[in-house]
mmCIF file of all heavy atoms, coordinates in Angstrom:
data_MODEL
# 
_entry.id   MODEL 
# 
loop_
_atom_site.group_PDB 
_atom_site.id 
_atom_site.type_symbol 
_atom_site.label_atom_id 
_atom_site.label_alt_id 
_atom_site.label_comp_id 
_atom_site.label_asym_id 
_atom_site.label_entity_id 
_atom_site.label_seq_id 
_atom_site.pdbx_PDB_ins_code 
_atom_site.Cartn_x 
_atom_site.Cartn_y 
_atom_site.Cartn_z 
_atom_site.occupancy 
_atom_site.B_iso_or_equiv 
_atom_site.pdbx_formal_charge 
_atom_site.auth_seq_id 
_atom_site.auth_comp_id 
_atom_site.auth_asym_id 
_atom_site.auth_atom_id 
_atom_site.pdbx_PDB_model_num 
ATOM 1   N N   . SER A 1 1  ? -8.635  -20.299 -15.063 1.00 0.00 ? 1  SER A N   1 
ATOM 2   C CA  . SER A 1 1  ? -7.933  -21.003 -16.055 1.00 0.00 ? 1  SER A CA  1 
ATOM 3   C C   . SER A 1 1  ? -7.227  -22.162 -15.284 1.00 0.00 ? 1  SER A C   1 
ATOM 4   O O   . SER A 1 1  ? -7.140  -22.148 -14.100 1.00 0.00 ? 1  SER A O   1 
ATOM 5   C CB  . SER A 1 1  ? -6.967  -20.276 -16.838 1.00 0.00 ? 1  SER A CB  1 
ATOM 6   O OG  . SER A 1 1  ? -5.854  -19.955 -16.191 1.00 0.00 ? 1  SER A OG  1 
ATOM 7   N N   . LYS A 1 2  ? -6.722  -23.084 -16.103 1.00 0.00 ? 2  LYS A N   1 
ATOM 8   C CA  . LYS A 1 2  ? -5.939  -24.199 -15.518 1.00 0.00 ? 2  LYS A CA  1 
ATOM 9   C C   . LYS A 1 2  ? -4.400  -23.813 -15.448 1.00 0.00 ? 2  LYS A C   1 
ATOM 10  O O   . LYS A 1 2  ? -3.597  -24.712 -15.109 1.00 0.00 ? 2  LYS A O   1 
ATOM 11  C CB  . LYS A 1 2  ? -6.048  -25.468 -16.478 1.00 0.00 ? 2  LYS A CB  1 
ATOM 12  C CG  . LYS A 1 2  ? -7.366  -26.065 -16.326 1.00 0.00 ? 2  LYS A CG  1 
ATOM 13  C CD  . LYS A 1 2  ? -7.556  -27.351 -17.110 1.00 0.00 ? 2  LYS A CD  1 
ATOM 14  C CE  . LYS A 1 2  ? -8.945  -27.858 -17.021 1.00 0.00 ? 2  LYS A CE  1 
ATOM 15  N NZ  . LYS A 1 2  ? -9.090  -29.060 -17.654 1.00 0.00 ? 2  LYS A NZ  1 
ATOM 16  N N   . SER A 1 3  ? -4.162  -22.549 -15.510 1.00 0.00 ? 3  SER A N   1 
ATOM 17  C CA  . SER A 1 3  ? -2.673  -22.077 -15.557 1.00 0.00 ? 3  SER A CA  1 
ATOM 18  C C   . SER A 1 3  ? -2.052  -22.130 -14.227 1.00 0.00 ? 3  SER A C   1 
ATOM 19  O O   . SER A 1 3  ? -0.733  -22.225 -14.111 1.00 0.00 ? 3  SER A O   1 
ATOM 20  C CB  . SER A 1 3  ? -2.588  -20.673 -16.034 1.00 0.00 ? 3  SER A CB  1 
ATOM 21  O OG  . SER A 1 3  ? -3.115  -19.791 -15.056 1.00 0.00 ? 3  SER A OG  1 
ATOM 22  N N   . GLY A 1 4  ? -2.832  -22.195 -13.146 1.00 0.00 ? 4  GLY A N   1 
ATOM 23  C CA  . GLY A 1 4  ? -2.313  -22.086 -11.868 1.00 0.00 ? 4  GLY A CA  1 
ATOM 24  C C   . GLY A 1 4  ? -2.127  -20.748 -11.299 1.00 0.00 ? 4  GLY A C   1 
ATOM 25  O O   . GLY A 1 4  ? -1.692  -20.664 -10.095 1.00 0.00 ? 4  GLY A O   1 
ATOM 26  N N   . GLY A 1 5  ? -2.261  -19.730 -12.096 1.00 0.00 ? 5  GLY A N   1 
ATOM 27  C CA  . GLY A 1 5  ? -2.114  -18.357 -11.653 1.00 0.00 ? 5  GLY A CA  1 
ATOM 28  C C   . GLY A 1 5  ? -3.282  -17.551 -12.105 1.00 0.00 ? 5  GLY A C   1 
ATOM 29  O O   . GLY A 1 5  ? -4.223  -18.101 -12.682 1.00 0.00 ? 5  GLY A O   1 
ATOM 30  N N   . LEU A 1 6  ? -3.080  -16.240 -11.945 1.00 0.00 ? 6  LEU A N   1 
ATOM 31  C CA  . LEU A 1 6  ? -4.202  -15.346 -12.310 1.00 0.00 ? 6  LEU A CA  1 
ATOM 32  C C   . LEU A 1 6  ? -4.262  -15.262 -13.901 1.00 0.00 ? 6  LEU A C   1 
ATOM 33  O O   . LEU A 1 6  ? -3.204  -15.203 -14.477 1.00 0.00 ? 6  LEU A O   1 
ATOM 34  C CB  . LEU A 1 6  ? -3.937  -13.955 -11.889 1.00 0.00 ? 6  LEU A CB  1 
ATOM 35  C CG  . LEU A 1 6  ? -4.045  -13.767 -10.324 1.00 0.00 ? 6  LEU A CG  1 
ATOM 36  C CD1 . LEU A 1 6  ? -3.669  -12.332 -9.983  1.00 0.00 ? 6  LEU A CD1 1 
ATOM 37  C CD2 . LEU A 1 6  ? -5.351  -14.054 -9.775  1.00 0.00 ? 6  LEU A CD2 1 
ATOM 38  N N   . THR A 1 7  ? -5.369  -15.351 -14.499 1.00 0.00 ? 7  THR A N   1 
ATOM 39  C CA  . THR A 1 7  ? -5.422  -15.200 -15.933 1.00 0.00 ? 7  THR A CA  1 
ATOM 40  C C   . THR A 1 7  ? -6.280  -13.957 -16.171 1.00 0.00 ? 7  THR A C   1 
ATOM 41  O O   . THR A 1 7  ? -7.479  -13.827 -15.886 1.00 0.00 ? 7  THR A O   1 
ATOM 42  C CB  . THR A 1 7  ? -6.304  -16.481 -16.517 1.00 0.00 ? 7  THR A CB  1 
ATOM 43  O OG1 . THR A 1 7  ? -5.466  -17.565 -16.255 1.00 0.00 ? 7  THR A OG1 1 
ATOM 44  C CG2 . THR A 1 7  ? -6.513  -16.272 -18.041 1.00 0.00 ? 7  THR A CG2 1 
ATOM 45  N N   . PHE A 1 8  ? -5.644  -12.906 -16.629 1.00 0.00 ? 8  PHE A N   1 
ATOM 46  C CA  . PHE A 1 8  ? -6.113  -11.679 -16.890 1.00 0.00 ? 8  PHE A CA  1 
ATOM 47  C C   . PHE A 1 8  ? -6.876  -11.639 -18.343 1.00 0.00 ? 8  PHE A C   1 
ATOM 48  O O   . PHE A 1 8  ? -6.439  -12.334 -19.215 1.00 0.00 ? 8  PHE A O   1 
ATOM 49  C CB  . PHE A 1 8  ? -5.089  -10.570 -16.925 1.00 0.00 ? 8  PHE A CB  1 
ATOM 50  C CG  . PHE A 1 8  ? -4.429  -10.449 -15.570 1.00 0.00 ? 8  PHE A CG  1 
ATOM 51  C CD1 . PHE A 1 8  ? -3.314  -11.142 -15.208 1.00 0.00 ? 8  PHE A CD1 1 
ATOM 52  C CD2 . PHE A 1 8  ? -5.001  -9.580  -14.581 1.00 0.00 ? 8  PHE A CD2 1 
ATOM 53  C CE1 . PHE A 1 8  ? -2.786  -11.058 -13.937 1.00 0.00 ? 8  PHE A CE1 1 
ATOM 54  C CE2 . PHE A 1 8  ? -4.401  -9.402  -13.367 1.00 0.00 ? 8  PHE A CE2 1 
ATOM 55  C CZ  . PHE A 1 8  ? -3.357  -10.166 -13.023 1.00 0.00 ? 8  PHE A CZ  1 
ATOM 56  N N   . PRO A 1 9  ? -7.965  -10.807 -18.463 1.00 0.00 ? 9  PRO A N   1 
ATOM 57  C CA  . PRO A 1 9  ? -8.580  -10.665 -19.731 1.00 0.00 ? 9  PRO A CA  1 
ATOM 58  C C   . PRO A 1 9  ? -7.647  -9.955  -20.773 1.00 0.00 ? 9  PRO A C   1 
ATOM 59  O O   . PRO A 1 9  ? -6.937  -9.150  -20.395 1.00 0.00 ? 9  PRO A O   1 
ATOM 60  C CB  . PRO A 1 9  ? -9.844  -9.903  -19.574 1.00 0.00 ? 9  PRO A CB  1 
ATOM 61  C CG  . PRO A 1 9  ? -9.496  -9.091  -18.179 1.00 0.00 ? 9  PRO A CG  1 
ATOM 62  C CD  . PRO A 1 9  ? -8.577  -9.933  -17.486 1.00 0.00 ? 9  PRO A CD  1 
ATOM 63  N N   . CYS A 1 10 ? -7.623  -10.563 -22.031 1.00 0.00 ? 10 CYS A N   1 
ATOM 64  C CA  . CYS A 1 10 ? -6.870  -9.969  -23.029 1.00 0.00 ? 10 CYS A CA  1 
ATOM 65  C C   . CYS A 1 10 ? -7.418  -8.482  -23.416 1.00 0.00 ? 10 CYS A C   1 
ATOM 66  O O   . CYS A 1 10 ? -8.354  -8.124  -22.937 1.00 0.00 ? 10 CYS A O   1 
ATOM 67  C CB  . CYS A 1 10 ? -6.768  -10.846 -24.321 1.00 0.00 ? 10 CYS A CB  1 
ATOM 68  S SG  . CYS A 1 10 ? -8.323  -10.817 -25.223 1.00 0.00 ? 10 CYS A SG  1 
ATOM 69  N N   . GLY A 1 11 ? -6.623  -7.870  -24.325 1.00 0.00 ? 11 GLY A N   1 
ATOM 70  C CA  . GLY A 1 11 ? -7.021  -6.479  -24.613 1.00 0.00 ? 11 GLY A CA  1 
ATOM 71  C C   . GLY A 1 11 ? -8.268  -6.429  -25.386 1.00 0.00 ? 11 GLY A C   1 
ATOM 72  O O   . GLY A 1 11 ? -9.128  -5.543  -25.145 1.00 0.00 ? 11 GLY A O   1 
ATOM 73  N N   . ILE A 1 12 ? -8.544  -7.465  -26.309 1.00 0.00 ? 12 ILE A N   1 
ATOM 74  C CA  . ILE A 1 12 ? -9.747  -7.394  -27.059 1.00 0.00 ? 12 ILE A CA  1 
ATOM 75  C C   . ILE A 1 12 ? -10.976 -7.678  -26.079 1.00 0.00 ? 12 ILE A C   1 
ATOM 76  O O   . ILE A 1 12 ? -11.928 -6.952  -26.235 1.00 0.00 ? 12 ILE A O   1 
ATOM 77  C CB  . ILE A 1 12 ? -9.689  -8.489  -28.148 1.00 0.00 ? 12 ILE A CB  1 
ATOM 78  C CG1 . ILE A 1 12 ? -8.730  -8.122  -29.192 1.00 0.00 ? 12 ILE A CG1 1 
ATOM 79  C CG2 . ILE A 1 12 ? -11.132 -8.705  -28.766 1.00 0.00 ? 12 ILE A CG2 1 
ATOM 80  C CD1 . ILE A 1 12 ? -8.494  -9.280  -30.212 1.00 0.00 ? 12 ILE A CD1 1 
ATOM 81  N N   . CYS A 1 13 ? -10.739 -8.601  -25.226 1.00 0.00 ? 13 CYS A N   1 
ATOM 82  C CA  . CYS A 1 13 ? -11.881 -8.874  -24.190 1.00 0.00 ? 13 CYS A CA  1 
ATOM 83  C C   . CYS A 1 13 ? -12.224 -7.608  -23.402 1.00 0.00 ? 13 CYS A C   1 
ATOM 84  O O   . CYS A 1 13 ? -13.332 -7.270  -23.087 1.00 0.00 ? 13 CYS A O   1 
ATOM 85  C CB  . CYS A 1 13 ? -11.571 -10.021 -23.355 1.00 0.00 ? 13 CYS A CB  1 
ATOM 86  S SG  . CYS A 1 13 ? -11.693 -11.594 -24.217 1.00 0.00 ? 13 CYS A SG  1 
ATOM 87  N N   . CYS A 1 14 ? -11.093 -6.808  -22.933 1.00 0.00 ? 14 CYS A N   1 
ATOM 88  C CA  . CYS A 1 14 ? -11.281 -5.722  -22.068 1.00 0.00 ? 14 CYS A CA  1 
ATOM 89  C C   . CYS A 1 14 ? -12.138 -4.688  -22.926 1.00 0.00 ? 14 CYS A C   1 
ATOM 90  O O   . CYS A 1 14 ? -12.984 -4.044  -22.339 1.00 0.00 ? 14 CYS A O   1 
ATOM 91  C CB  . CYS A 1 14 ? -9.950  -5.188  -21.744 1.00 0.00 ? 14 CYS A CB  1 
ATOM 92  S SG  . CYS A 1 14 ? -9.145  -6.057  -20.388 1.00 0.00 ? 14 CYS A SG  1 
ATOM 93  N N   . GLN A 1 15 ? -11.763 -4.476  -24.185 1.00 0.00 ? 15 GLN A N   1 
ATOM 94  C CA  . GLN A 1 15 ? -12.415 -3.534  -25.017 1.00 0.00 ? 15 GLN A CA  1 
ATOM 95  C C   . GLN A 1 15 ? -13.916 -3.905  -25.089 1.00 0.00 ? 15 GLN A C   1 
ATOM 96  O O   . GLN A 1 15 ? -14.750 -3.049  -25.137 1.00 0.00 ? 15 GLN A O   1 
ATOM 97  C CB  . GLN A 1 15 ? -11.743 -3.386  -26.443 1.00 0.00 ? 15 GLN A CB  1 
ATOM 98  C CG  . GLN A 1 15 ? -12.445 -2.415  -27.247 1.00 0.00 ? 15 GLN A CG  1 
ATOM 99  C CD  . GLN A 1 15 ? -12.441 -0.913  -26.673 1.00 0.00 ? 15 GLN A CD  1 
ATOM 100 O OE1 . GLN A 1 15 ? -11.447 -0.398  -26.161 1.00 0.00 ? 15 GLN A OE1 1 
ATOM 101 N NE2 . GLN A 1 15 ? -13.626 -0.322  -26.803 1.00 0.00 ? 15 GLN A NE2 1 
ATOM 102 N N   . VAL A 1 16 ? -14.161 -5.127  -25.435 1.00 0.00 ? 16 VAL A N   1 
ATOM 103 C CA  . VAL A 1 16 ? -15.553 -5.631  -25.601 1.00 0.00 ? 16 VAL A CA  1 
ATOM 104 C C   . VAL A 1 16 ? -16.265 -5.455  -24.360 1.00 0.00 ? 16 VAL A C   1 
ATOM 105 O O   . VAL A 1 16 ? -17.489 -4.947  -24.401 1.00 0.00 ? 16 VAL A O   1 
ATOM 106 C CB  . VAL A 1 16 ? -15.500 -7.112  -26.088 1.00 0.00 ? 16 VAL A CB  1 
ATOM 107 C CG1 . VAL A 1 16 ? -17.004 -7.619  -26.122 1.00 0.00 ? 16 VAL A CG1 1 
ATOM 108 C CG2 . VAL A 1 16 ? -14.907 -7.132  -27.557 1.00 0.00 ? 16 VAL A CG2 1 
ATOM 109 N N   . LEU A 1 17 ? -15.745 -5.774  -23.222 1.00 0.00 ? 17 LEU A N   1 
ATOM 110 C CA  . LEU A 1 17 ? -16.396 -5.649  -21.950 1.00 0.00 ? 17 LEU A CA  1 
ATOM 111 C C   . LEU A 1 17 ? -16.774 -4.218  -21.691 1.00 0.00 ? 17 LEU A C   1 
ATOM 112 O O   . LEU A 1 17 ? -17.761 -3.863  -21.133 1.00 0.00 ? 17 LEU A O   1 
ATOM 113 C CB  . LEU A 1 17 ? -15.492 -6.175  -20.749 1.00 0.00 ? 17 LEU A CB  1 
ATOM 114 C CG  . LEU A 1 17 ? -15.500 -7.774  -20.701 1.00 0.00 ? 17 LEU A CG  1 
ATOM 115 C CD1 . LEU A 1 17 ? -14.447 -8.024  -19.600 1.00 0.00 ? 17 LEU A CD1 1 
ATOM 116 C CD2 . LEU A 1 17 ? -16.818 -8.352  -20.332 1.00 0.00 ? 17 LEU A CD2 1 
ATOM 117 N N   . SER A 1 18 ? -15.862 -3.344  -22.118 1.00 0.00 ? 18 SER A N   1 
ATOM 118 C CA  . SER A 1 18 ? -15.956 -1.810  -21.965 1.00 0.00 ? 18 SER A CA  1 
ATOM 119 C C   . SER A 1 18 ? -17.288 -1.326  -22.602 1.00 0.00 ? 18 SER A C   1 
ATOM 120 O O   . SER A 1 18 ? -17.810 -0.282  -22.227 1.00 0.00 ? 18 SER A O   1 
ATOM 121 C CB  . SER A 1 18 ? -14.792 -1.037  -22.280 1.00 0.00 ? 18 SER A CB  1 
ATOM 122 O OG  . SER A 1 18 ? -14.686 -0.868  -23.743 1.00 0.00 ? 18 SER A OG  1 
ATOM 123 N N   . GLU A 1 19 ? -17.656 -2.003  -23.615 1.00 0.00 ? 19 GLU A N   1 
ATOM 124 C CA  . GLU A 1 19 ? -18.910 -1.620  -24.301 1.00 0.00 ? 19 GLU A CA  1 
ATOM 125 C C   . GLU A 1 19 ? -20.155 -1.662  -23.391 1.00 0.00 ? 19 GLU A C   1 
ATOM 126 O O   . GLU A 1 19 ? -21.117 -0.903  -23.608 1.00 0.00 ? 19 GLU A O   1 
ATOM 127 C CB  . GLU A 1 19 ? -19.105 -2.450  -25.580 1.00 0.00 ? 19 GLU A CB  1 
ATOM 128 C CG  . GLU A 1 19 ? -20.186 -2.074  -26.434 1.00 0.00 ? 19 GLU A CG  1 
ATOM 129 C CD  . GLU A 1 19 ? -19.908 -0.926  -27.343 1.00 0.00 ? 19 GLU A CD  1 
ATOM 130 O OE1 . GLU A 1 19 ? -18.710 -0.577  -27.489 1.00 0.00 ? 19 GLU A OE1 1 
ATOM 131 O OE2 . GLU A 1 19 ? -20.818 -0.363  -27.951 1.00 0.00 ? 19 GLU A OE2 1 
ATOM 132 N N   . PHE A 1 20 ? -20.080 -2.625  -22.511 1.00 0.00 ? 20 PHE A N   1 
ATOM 133 C CA  . PHE A 1 20 ? -21.174 -2.852  -21.652 1.00 0.00 ? 20 PHE A CA  1 
ATOM 134 C C   . PHE A 1 20 ? -20.959 -2.527  -20.124 1.00 0.00 ? 20 PHE A C   1 
ATOM 135 O O   . PHE A 1 20 ? -21.882 -2.411  -19.400 1.00 0.00 ? 20 PHE A O   1 
ATOM 136 C CB  . PHE A 1 20 ? -21.694 -4.317  -21.804 1.00 0.00 ? 20 PHE A CB  1 
ATOM 137 C CG  . PHE A 1 20 ? -22.146 -4.626  -23.207 1.00 0.00 ? 20 PHE A CG  1 
ATOM 138 C CD1 . PHE A 1 20 ? -21.288 -5.121  -24.094 1.00 0.00 ? 20 PHE A CD1 1 
ATOM 139 C CD2 . PHE A 1 20 ? -23.498 -4.275  -23.560 1.00 0.00 ? 20 PHE A CD2 1 
ATOM 140 C CE1 . PHE A 1 20 ? -21.737 -5.424  -25.385 1.00 0.00 ? 20 PHE A CE1 1 
ATOM 141 C CE2 . PHE A 1 20 ? -23.939 -4.594  -24.814 1.00 0.00 ? 20 PHE A CE2 1 
ATOM 142 C CZ  . PHE A 1 20 ? -23.046 -5.110  -25.740 1.00 0.00 ? 20 PHE A CZ  1 
ATOM 143 N N   . PHE A 1 21 ? -19.738 -2.533  -19.727 1.00 0.00 ? 21 PHE A N   1 
ATOM 144 C CA  . PHE A 1 21 ? -19.453 -2.197  -18.312 1.00 0.00 ? 21 PHE A CA  1 
ATOM 145 C C   . PHE A 1 21 ? -19.542 -0.721  -18.118 1.00 0.00 ? 21 PHE A C   1 
ATOM 146 O O   . PHE A 1 21 ? -18.836 0.072   -18.837 1.00 0.00 ? 21 PHE A O   1 
ATOM 147 C CB  . PHE A 1 21 ? -18.098 -2.775  -17.922 1.00 0.00 ? 21 PHE A CB  1 
ATOM 148 C CG  . PHE A 1 21 ? -18.089 -4.232  -17.528 1.00 0.00 ? 21 PHE A CG  1 
ATOM 149 C CD1 . PHE A 1 21 ? -19.066 -5.211  -18.023 1.00 0.00 ? 21 PHE A CD1 1 
ATOM 150 C CD2 . PHE A 1 21 ? -17.091 -4.746  -16.642 1.00 0.00 ? 21 PHE A CD2 1 
ATOM 151 C CE1 . PHE A 1 21 ? -19.002 -6.463  -17.695 1.00 0.00 ? 21 PHE A CE1 1 
ATOM 152 C CE2 . PHE A 1 21 ? -17.060 -6.094  -16.305 1.00 0.00 ? 21 PHE A CE2 1 
ATOM 153 C CZ  . PHE A 1 21 ? -18.076 -6.918  -16.846 1.00 0.00 ? 21 PHE A CZ  1 
ATOM 154 N N   . GLU A 1 22 ? -20.027 -0.265  -16.964 1.00 0.00 ? 22 GLU A N   1 
ATOM 155 C CA  . GLU A 1 22 ? -20.088 1.124   -16.716 1.00 0.00 ? 22 GLU A CA  1 
ATOM 156 C C   . GLU A 1 22 ? -18.953 1.636   -15.810 1.00 0.00 ? 22 GLU A C   1 
ATOM 157 O O   . GLU A 1 22 ? -18.749 2.848   -15.638 1.00 0.00 ? 22 GLU A O   1 
ATOM 158 C CB  . GLU A 1 22 ? -21.491 1.460   -16.037 1.00 0.00 ? 22 GLU A CB  1 
ATOM 159 C CG  . GLU A 1 22 ? -22.697 1.099   -16.867 1.00 0.00 ? 22 GLU A CG  1 
ATOM 160 C CD  . GLU A 1 22 ? -23.941 1.278   -16.252 1.00 0.00 ? 22 GLU A CD  1 
ATOM 161 O OE1 . GLU A 1 22 ? -23.995 1.557   -14.920 1.00 0.00 ? 22 GLU A OE1 1 
ATOM 162 O OE2 . GLU A 1 22 ? -25.008 1.082   -16.839 1.00 0.00 ? 22 GLU A OE2 1 
ATOM 163 N N   . GLY A 1 23 ? -18.162 0.693   -15.245 1.00 0.00 ? 23 GLY A N   1 
ATOM 164 C CA  . GLY A 1 23 ? -17.070 1.067   -14.355 1.00 0.00 ? 23 GLY A CA  1 
ATOM 165 C C   . GLY A 1 23 ? -17.115 0.488   -13.013 1.00 0.00 ? 23 GLY A C   1 
ATOM 166 O O   . GLY A 1 23 ? -16.120 0.415   -12.308 1.00 0.00 ? 23 GLY A O   1 
ATOM 167 N N   . ASN A 1 24 ? -18.317 0.138   -12.478 1.00 0.00 ? 24 ASN A N   1 
ATOM 168 C CA  . ASN A 1 24 ? -18.336 -0.348  -11.121 1.00 0.00 ? 24 ASN A CA  1 
ATOM 169 C C   . ASN A 1 24 ? -18.356 -1.826  -10.995 1.00 0.00 ? 24 ASN A C   1 
ATOM 170 O O   . ASN A 1 24 ? -18.288 -2.327  -9.938  1.00 0.00 ? 24 ASN A O   1 
ATOM 171 C CB  . ASN A 1 24 ? -19.571 0.205   -10.437 1.00 0.00 ? 24 ASN A CB  1 
ATOM 172 C CG  . ASN A 1 24 ? -19.624 1.683   -10.305 1.00 0.00 ? 24 ASN A CG  1 
ATOM 173 O OD1 . ASN A 1 24 ? -18.603 2.298   -9.971  1.00 0.00 ? 24 ASN A OD1 1 
ATOM 174 N ND2 . ASN A 1 24 ? -20.760 2.305   -10.515 1.00 0.00 ? 24 ASN A ND2 1 
ATOM 175 N N   . GLU A 1 25 ? -18.386 -2.539  -12.151 1.00 0.00 ? 25 GLU A N   1 
ATOM 176 C CA  . GLU A 1 25 ? -18.497 -3.958  -12.111 1.00 0.00 ? 25 GLU A CA  1 
ATOM 177 C C   . GLU A 1 25 ? -17.184 -4.428  -11.684 1.00 0.00 ? 25 GLU A C   1 
ATOM 178 O O   . GLU A 1 25 ? -16.112 -4.019  -11.973 1.00 0.00 ? 25 GLU A O   1 
ATOM 179 C CB  . GLU A 1 25 ? -18.722 -4.533  -13.571 1.00 0.00 ? 25 GLU A CB  1 
ATOM 180 C CG  . GLU A 1 25 ? -19.992 -4.079  -14.138 1.00 0.00 ? 25 GLU A CG  1 
ATOM 181 C CD  . GLU A 1 25 ? -20.069 -2.623  -14.732 1.00 0.00 ? 25 GLU A CD  1 
ATOM 182 O OE1 . GLU A 1 25 ? -18.956 -1.894  -14.740 1.00 0.00 ? 25 GLU A OE1 1 
ATOM 183 O OE2 . GLU A 1 25 ? -21.043 -2.215  -15.319 1.00 0.00 ? 25 GLU A OE2 1 
ATOM 184 N N   . GLU A 1 26 ? -17.319 -5.631  -10.911 1.00 0.00 ? 26 GLU A N   1 
ATOM 185 C CA  . GLU A 1 26 ? -16.073 -6.326  -10.441 1.00 0.00 ? 26 GLU A CA  1 
ATOM 186 C C   . GLU A 1 26 ? -15.587 -7.476  -11.324 1.00 0.00 ? 26 GLU A C   1 
ATOM 187 O O   . GLU A 1 26 ? -16.448 -8.128  -11.979 1.00 0.00 ? 26 GLU A O   1 
ATOM 188 C CB  . GLU A 1 26 ? -16.323 -6.811  -9.012  1.00 0.00 ? 26 GLU A CB  1 
ATOM 189 C CG  . GLU A 1 26 ? -16.583 -5.531  -8.080  1.00 0.00 ? 26 GLU A CG  1 
ATOM 190 C CD  . GLU A 1 26 ? -16.584 -5.936  -6.629  1.00 0.00 ? 26 GLU A CD  1 
ATOM 191 O OE1 . GLU A 1 26 ? -17.203 -7.016  -6.302  1.00 0.00 ? 26 GLU A OE1 1 
ATOM 192 O OE2 . GLU A 1 26 ? -16.195 -5.085  -5.819  1.00 0.00 ? 26 GLU A OE2 1 
# 
């Protein structure tokens, strides 16, 4: 992001990613 710092995924995005991520993805 243009924030200048780390931009962490929001809770909704984490949940959606969890539908397809198996756990080893970086």
